[in-house]
Structure formats: structure tokens, C-alpha cells
Protein backbone atom coordinates (compact mmCIF):
# COMPACT_ATOMS: atom_id res chain seq x y z
CA MET A 1 253.30 -24.89 133.41
CA THR A 2 252.34 -21.84 131.34
CA GLY A 3 249.08 -21.72 133.26
CA LEU A 4 250.87 -22.11 136.58
CA GLY A 5 253.27 -19.23 135.86
CA ALA A 6 250.48 -16.96 134.74
CA LEU A 7 248.50 -17.71 137.94
CA ILE A 8 251.61 -17.13 140.11
CA ARG A 9 252.35 -13.93 138.47
CA ARG A 10 248.59 -12.98 138.70
CA ASN A 11 248.55 -13.78 142.55
CA THR A 12 251.86 -11.93 143.16
CA LYS A 13 250.83 -8.76 141.49
CA LEU A 14 247.44 -8.77 143.13
CA TYR A 15 249.19 -9.20 146.61
CA PHE A 16 251.59 -6.33 145.98
CA LYS A 17 248.97 -4.06 144.54
CA ASP A 18 246.50 -4.62 147.55
CA LYS A 19 248.04 -2.12 149.77
CA GLY A 20 246.05 -3.47 152.70
CA MET A 21 247.59 -6.88 152.58
CA PHE A 22 251.07 -5.73 151.58
CA PHE A 23 251.52 -3.12 154.17
CA THR A 24 250.06 -5.24 156.89
CA SER A 25 252.71 -7.83 155.93
CA LEU A 26 255.57 -5.43 155.53
CA ILE A 27 254.70 -3.44 158.78
CA THR A 28 254.80 -6.52 160.97
CA PRO A 29 258.64 -7.07 161.05
CA LEU A 30 259.16 -3.29 161.23
CA ILE A 31 256.93 -2.77 164.20
CA LEU A 32 258.49 -5.88 165.94
CA LEU A 33 261.97 -4.43 165.37
CA VAL A 34 261.11 -1.00 166.81
CA LEU A 35 259.29 -2.59 169.83
CA TYR A 36 262.05 -5.03 170.49
CA GLY A 37 264.68 -2.39 170.13
CA THR A 38 262.85 0.09 172.23
CA PHE A 39 261.48 -1.96 175.04
CA LEU A 40 262.71 -5.59 175.27
CA SER A 41 266.41 -4.61 174.45
CA ASN A 42 266.90 -2.98 177.84
CA VAL A 43 265.27 -5.86 179.71
CA TYR A 44 267.43 -8.44 177.96
CA GLU A 45 270.53 -6.17 178.45
CA ASP A 46 269.87 -5.84 182.15
CA SER A 47 269.32 -9.62 182.51
CA PHE A 48 272.49 -10.55 180.60
CA ARG A 49 274.64 -7.97 182.47
CA SER A 50 273.32 -9.06 185.84
CA ALA A 51 273.80 -12.64 185.21
CA LEU A 52 277.34 -12.24 183.79
CA GLU A 53 278.39 -9.76 186.67
CA ALA A 54 277.04 -12.28 189.27
CA ALA A 55 279.43 -14.80 187.73
CA GLY A 56 282.31 -12.30 188.12
CA ALA A 57 282.73 -11.50 184.43
CA THR A 58 283.41 -8.13 183.14
CA VAL A 59 281.50 -7.67 179.85
CA PRO A 60 282.25 -5.07 177.10
CA ASP A 61 279.22 -3.13 175.98
CA LYS A 62 279.66 -4.41 172.37
CA LEU A 63 279.45 -7.98 173.44
CA ILE A 64 276.33 -7.28 175.50
CA GLY A 65 274.87 -5.51 172.41
CA GLY A 66 275.70 -8.40 170.16
CA CYS A 67 274.05 -10.80 172.54
CA VAL A 68 270.91 -8.79 173.00
CA GLY A 69 270.85 -7.92 169.28
CA GLY A 70 271.13 -11.60 168.32
CA GLN A 71 268.20 -12.55 170.49
CA LEU A 72 265.98 -9.89 169.37
CA VAL A 73 266.80 -10.48 165.58
CA SER A 74 266.11 -14.13 166.00
CA SER A 75 262.85 -13.40 167.73
CA LEU A 76 261.66 -11.06 165.03
CA LEU A 77 262.58 -13.31 162.17
CA ALA A 78 261.02 -16.38 163.86
CA VAL A 79 257.61 -14.54 164.23
CA SER A 80 257.71 -12.82 160.89
CA CYS A 81 258.36 -15.77 158.61
CA VAL A 82 254.99 -17.24 159.85
CA THR A 83 252.81 -14.24 160.48
CA VAL A 84 253.81 -12.66 157.11
CA ALA A 85 252.89 -15.87 155.31
CA PHE A 86 249.49 -15.77 156.81
CA CYS A 87 249.02 -12.13 155.62
CA SER A 88 250.27 -13.07 152.12
CA ASN A 89 248.00 -16.15 151.85
CA LEU A 90 244.89 -13.96 152.47
CA LEU A 91 244.50 -13.75 148.63
CA MET A 92 243.30 -17.29 148.71
CA VAL A 93 240.41 -16.19 151.02
CA GLN A 94 239.76 -12.91 149.04
CA ASP A 95 239.37 -14.78 145.80
CA LYS A 96 236.68 -16.93 147.56
CA ILE A 97 234.90 -13.75 148.80
CA THR A 98 234.91 -11.86 145.61
CA GLY A 99 234.14 -14.80 143.44
CA ALA A 100 237.41 -14.76 141.58
CA ARG A 101 238.11 -18.38 142.43
CA ARG A 102 234.84 -19.51 140.99
CA ASP A 103 235.69 -17.73 137.78
CA LEU A 104 239.09 -19.32 137.70
CA THR A 105 237.82 -22.78 138.28
CA ILE A 106 235.24 -22.26 135.48
CA ALA A 107 238.17 -21.40 133.17
CA PRO A 108 240.34 -24.32 131.85
CA VAL A 109 242.57 -24.37 134.98
CA LYS A 110 242.93 -27.49 136.93
CA PRO A 111 242.10 -27.17 140.71
CA GLY A 112 245.41 -28.73 141.64
CA THR A 113 247.25 -25.98 139.49
CA LEU A 114 245.18 -23.24 141.19
CA ALA A 115 246.09 -24.62 144.63
CA LEU A 116 249.72 -24.81 143.74
CA SER A 117 249.71 -21.20 142.43
CA TYR A 118 248.33 -19.85 145.75
CA TYR A 119 251.20 -21.70 147.57
CA LEU A 120 254.06 -20.62 145.37
CA SER A 121 252.84 -17.10 145.04
CA THR A 122 252.59 -16.87 148.88
CA LEU A 123 255.99 -18.47 149.18
CA LEU A 124 257.45 -15.91 146.78
CA SER A 125 255.94 -12.89 148.34
CA THR A 126 256.74 -13.98 152.05
CA LEU A 127 260.42 -14.87 150.92
CA LEU A 128 260.82 -11.36 149.45
CA ILE A 129 259.56 -9.45 152.66
CA CYS A 130 261.37 -11.82 155.15
CA PHE A 131 264.62 -11.57 153.23
CA ALA A 132 264.26 -7.80 153.19
CA ALA A 133 263.52 -7.93 156.97
CA ALA A 134 266.56 -10.12 157.46
CA GLY A 135 268.69 -7.45 155.68
CA VAL A 136 267.35 -4.84 158.07
CA CYS A 137 268.13 -7.03 161.00
CA LEU A 138 271.71 -7.70 159.80
CA GLY A 139 272.02 -3.88 159.72
CA TYR A 140 270.86 -3.67 163.15
CA LEU A 141 273.39 -6.15 164.38
CA ALA A 142 276.11 -4.34 162.59
CA TYR A 143 275.08 -1.21 164.65
CA VAL A 144 274.81 -2.80 168.11
CA GLY A 145 277.54 -5.59 167.84
CA TRP A 146 278.65 -7.66 164.86
CA TYR A 147 280.06 -11.06 165.57
CA LEU A 148 278.75 -13.04 162.63
CA THR A 149 280.79 -14.79 160.06
CA ALA A 150 279.72 -15.50 156.42
CA GLY A 151 278.81 -18.88 157.33
CA ASP A 152 276.57 -17.63 160.10
CA VAL A 153 274.81 -15.29 157.81
CA ALA A 154 274.20 -18.04 155.21
CA ALA A 155 272.88 -20.30 157.81
CA LEU A 156 270.60 -17.59 159.19
CA LEU A 157 269.21 -17.06 155.69
CA LEU A 158 268.60 -20.71 155.22
CA ASP A 159 266.70 -20.80 158.53
CA VAL A 160 264.59 -18.02 157.28
CA ALA A 161 263.94 -19.82 153.99
CA LEU A 162 262.88 -23.01 155.84
CA LEU A 163 260.57 -21.14 158.26
CA VAL A 164 258.92 -19.41 155.43
CA LEU A 165 258.32 -22.75 153.76
CA PHE A 166 256.85 -23.99 156.93
CA GLY A 167 254.79 -20.81 157.58
CA THR A 168 253.43 -20.87 154.00
CA ALA A 169 252.34 -24.55 154.28
CA LEU A 170 250.85 -24.01 157.69
CA SER A 171 248.90 -20.84 156.45
CA ALA A 172 247.69 -22.66 153.26
CA CYS A 173 246.22 -25.35 155.55
CA VAL A 174 244.68 -22.98 158.06
CA ASN A 175 243.25 -20.47 155.46
CA PHE A 176 241.99 -23.14 153.08
CA PRO A 177 238.57 -23.64 154.71
CA LEU A 178 238.09 -19.87 155.39
CA SER A 179 235.52 -18.07 153.24
CA THR A 180 234.74 -14.62 154.89
CA ASN A 181 236.62 -11.60 155.98
CA GLY A 182 235.56 -12.20 159.63
CA GLN A 183 237.11 -15.60 159.65
CA ALA A 184 240.32 -14.37 158.03
CA SER A 185 240.71 -11.48 160.53
CA ALA A 186 240.11 -13.88 163.37
CA VAL A 187 242.72 -16.27 162.22
CA GLY A 188 245.22 -13.45 161.56
CA THR A 189 244.76 -11.96 165.10
CA ILE A 190 245.11 -15.42 166.85
CA VAL A 191 248.24 -16.09 164.82
CA SER A 192 249.76 -12.79 165.43
CA ALA A 193 249.12 -12.67 169.10
CA GLY A 194 249.81 -16.31 169.92
CA TYR A 195 252.59 -17.61 167.69
CA GLY A 196 255.36 -15.62 169.21
CA PHE A 197 254.73 -17.15 172.62
CA ILE A 198 254.33 -20.78 171.60
CA CYS A 199 257.55 -20.66 169.50
CA GLY A 200 259.62 -19.13 172.16
CA ALA A 201 260.18 -15.74 170.37
CA TYR A 202 258.50 -13.39 172.98
CA MET A 203 259.64 -15.38 176.00
CA PRO A 204 262.39 -17.96 176.25
CA ILE A 205 260.91 -21.42 176.73
CA SER A 206 263.47 -22.08 179.60
CA GLN A 207 261.36 -19.57 181.69
CA PHE A 208 258.17 -21.55 181.16
CA SER A 209 256.83 -24.22 183.64
CA GLU A 210 258.28 -27.75 183.13
CA GLY A 211 254.88 -29.12 181.71
CA LEU A 212 254.47 -26.24 179.22
CA GLN A 213 258.09 -26.78 178.13
CA LYS A 214 257.51 -30.43 177.40
CA ALA A 215 254.21 -29.47 175.50
CA ILE A 216 255.97 -26.79 173.45
CA SER A 217 258.89 -29.18 172.54
CA PHE A 218 256.49 -30.97 170.18
CA LEU A 219 255.90 -27.82 168.13
CA PRO A 220 258.14 -27.36 165.05
CA GLY A 221 258.22 -23.60 165.20
CA THR A 222 260.19 -23.98 168.47
CA TYR A 223 263.01 -25.67 166.71
CA GLY A 224 262.98 -22.90 163.93
CA THR A 225 263.34 -20.34 166.52
CA SER A 226 266.22 -22.10 168.15
CA LEU A 227 267.97 -22.61 164.88
CA LEU A 228 267.86 -18.85 164.23
CA ARG A 229 269.01 -18.26 167.86
CA ASN A 230 272.04 -20.48 167.31
CA HIS A 231 273.18 -18.82 164.15
CA ALA A 232 272.52 -15.33 165.23
CA LEU A 233 274.48 -15.84 168.49
CA SER A 234 277.25 -18.21 167.41
CA GLY A 235 279.78 -15.53 167.03
CA VAL A 236 278.96 -14.11 170.37
CA PHE A 237 279.43 -17.34 172.26
CA GLU A 238 282.84 -17.90 170.49
CA GLU A 239 283.89 -14.37 171.52
CA MET A 240 282.82 -15.09 175.07
CA SER A 241 285.07 -18.29 175.15
CA ALA A 242 287.89 -16.26 173.54
CA GLN A 243 287.73 -13.65 176.32
CA GLY A 244 287.94 -16.49 178.90
CA PHE A 245 284.39 -16.93 180.07
CA PRO A 246 284.03 -20.22 181.89
CA SER A 247 282.37 -22.85 179.74
CA GLN A 248 279.69 -23.41 182.41
CA VAL A 249 278.64 -19.68 182.12
CA VAL A 250 278.41 -19.92 178.27
CA GLU A 251 276.40 -22.97 178.44
CA ALA A 252 274.03 -21.48 181.05
CA ILE A 253 273.50 -18.55 178.72
CA ARG A 254 272.78 -20.78 175.74
CA ASP A 255 270.25 -22.58 177.95
CA SER A 256 268.55 -19.37 178.95
CA VAL A 257 268.07 -18.13 175.37
CA ASP A 258 266.97 -21.41 173.95
CA CYS A 259 269.98 -22.10 171.93
CA ASN A 260 270.02 -25.38 173.74
CA LEU A 261 266.57 -27.22 173.46
CA TYR A 262 265.72 -30.31 175.41
CA PHE A 263 263.16 -32.93 174.62
CA PHE A 264 262.16 -34.61 177.95
CA GLY A 265 265.47 -33.96 179.21
CA ASP A 266 267.55 -34.93 176.24
CA LYS A 267 269.51 -32.13 174.21
CA VAL A 268 268.29 -31.71 170.79
CA ALA A 269 271.26 -31.44 168.27
CA LEU A 270 271.04 -28.92 165.27
CA PRO A 271 270.59 -31.59 162.63
CA ALA A 272 267.74 -32.99 164.56
CA MET A 273 266.11 -29.52 164.68
CA TYR A 274 266.51 -29.24 160.90
CA LEU A 275 265.02 -32.65 160.54
CA VAL A 276 261.88 -31.78 162.68
CA LEU A 277 261.46 -28.53 160.67
CA ALA A 278 261.70 -30.34 157.28
CA ALA A 279 259.27 -32.97 158.43
CA ALA A 280 256.87 -30.45 159.51
CA ILE A 281 257.05 -28.80 156.13
CA VAL A 282 256.49 -32.02 154.22
CA ILE A 283 253.52 -33.08 156.62
CA ALA A 284 251.90 -29.48 156.26
CA VAL A 285 252.28 -29.63 152.40
CA GLY A 286 250.85 -33.15 152.22
CA LEU A 287 247.96 -31.93 154.34
CA TYR A 288 247.31 -29.12 152.04
CA VAL A 289 247.31 -31.40 148.99
CA LEU A 290 245.00 -33.80 150.80
CA MET A 291 242.49 -30.93 151.57
CA ASN A 292 242.58 -29.93 147.94
CA VAL A 293 241.87 -33.48 146.72
CA LEU A 294 238.99 -34.00 149.11
CA SER A 295 237.60 -30.67 148.13
CA GLY A 296 237.67 -31.61 144.61
CA ARG A 297 235.90 -34.91 145.08
CA LYS A 298 233.29 -33.24 147.14
CA ARG A 299 232.64 -30.70 144.32
CA LYS A 300 232.25 -33.60 141.86
């Protein structure tokens, strides 16, 4: 365990000392918050307001702000928990490029210990950045419209932690075979550009075609986004009901922002979403372990 702890400290320090990797990771949630708040907030606000006014409901600006803010914050965190993990895990690739991994394997360090150190240091770094981003997001919600309870905040942070676990395991599997800067850059670009769409963060899944909705319903990131949506908007929906909004209207809004997910027509309950995300984490970690075992046998 002493060797593992030393490797985790070494990897974490190198990550935070490498200004390229660190600022790339840190700037992702900040840029998304600025872009969402500047451009998408007006689009979401107009969409919510027109839909509610069409239903004959008079909506306070604060409630609209809380609704839009909850959707933006959940989108930002859903993307950041995975993309930041890929940036943090680039150290595993950099060690191959610089030869540091070869030096570490020559030293009396077991390959399994080295692999675990990469995973845990990436997990630690990503958690620090994503929890900091969550704090900024909560401050944003306090500014535009706060309807969260202490339980909602705790559940939101739990969702962030689970998505970071998933993102770290996924990045470990994807980055493991990479050995050049070009490969790492290509993977980072693809993940940054595409993940937000396939997890429903950039555009609600309810607006996709029926076939695409069914395909995306198999992806675990979709359920992570929905969990964040549910907990970021729970207080908003309760306030809508308290102000006399018809239940059909509230349910329609929940459908439109992916708080309600459907798997081939059947509504997915929150416990089932947690189960899917937990299973994805276990499978991804298991795959990472298997890749390391097979790689070790190949070297022998």
C-alpha cells in the first residue's frame, strides 16, 4: 500500500503541475457554464415560457430561472464528469510517451499497482475539479432561482461522484491502448465533441427521432444525465405543483427535459437508473482490469 500511495501522490502532483492538462480540465466546465449561460439559457427560457403560457399558466421569472438553471447545471456536470476524467487520465498516455512507465515497471512496482494508481489518481483529480464545478453551479442556481433542498444538493453531489467513477473507468479503458500524442488528442476531441450529444446534455433526448432515442437508451451516460436533471429540478417541479400547475403540464415538462426516461416505452425509475450506472462502472472497471492482465501476459 505504501507503493500505491506514493504512486497516487506522484501522479496527482504531476497532473496538477502540468498546466496544459490541468487548465484543459479546469476550463472545460467554466467554458460550458459561460456558453450555456450566454446562449442556451435564452433558448431554454423562451421554450419553457412559451410552452407554459400556451397552457394558460402565468410563470414567475424566478421559477423560469430555476427551471432553466437546473437544466443548464445538470447538462454541464453531466458532460464535465466524463470529459474532465479523460483529460486527467492523459498522464497514463504521457508516461508511455516519455518512457516514465517503462522506468516504473523496471522498478519493484507491480503492474497491477501501477494500473490502480493511474485509476485512483485520475479519480481523485477529477473529483476535485468536478466538485469545484458543482460548487460554482450551485452558486449559479442561487443567483437565477434556488429551489433545492439539502437532500437535493446531497443527491446531486452523489450523482457527480458516480458519474466521475464512470468517466474515470471509461477513460481508463479507452486511454489504455494509446501511446502517442496524436491518438490522445484525437480521442479527447471525439469525446469532448460527441459525448454531450449522446448523453442528452446538449439536446434533450425527447427531441431525437424514435430510433435514436431507443439506441441512446442503452448508454449509461444517459441515465447519469437524467439523475442530475431530476435532482437539480426536483424543487422546481414541487414549486410548480404548489402554485397550482396541472399535473399533466408538470409531467410534460419532465418528459421534455429528460427527467422521465423511457426504455422501449416503459418509464425508468430512479433506482433503476442508479442500478444501470453502477453496473456500467463495475463493467468498465472489470474491463480495465482485464486489459491490464492480458497486457501483462503478453509482456511475459
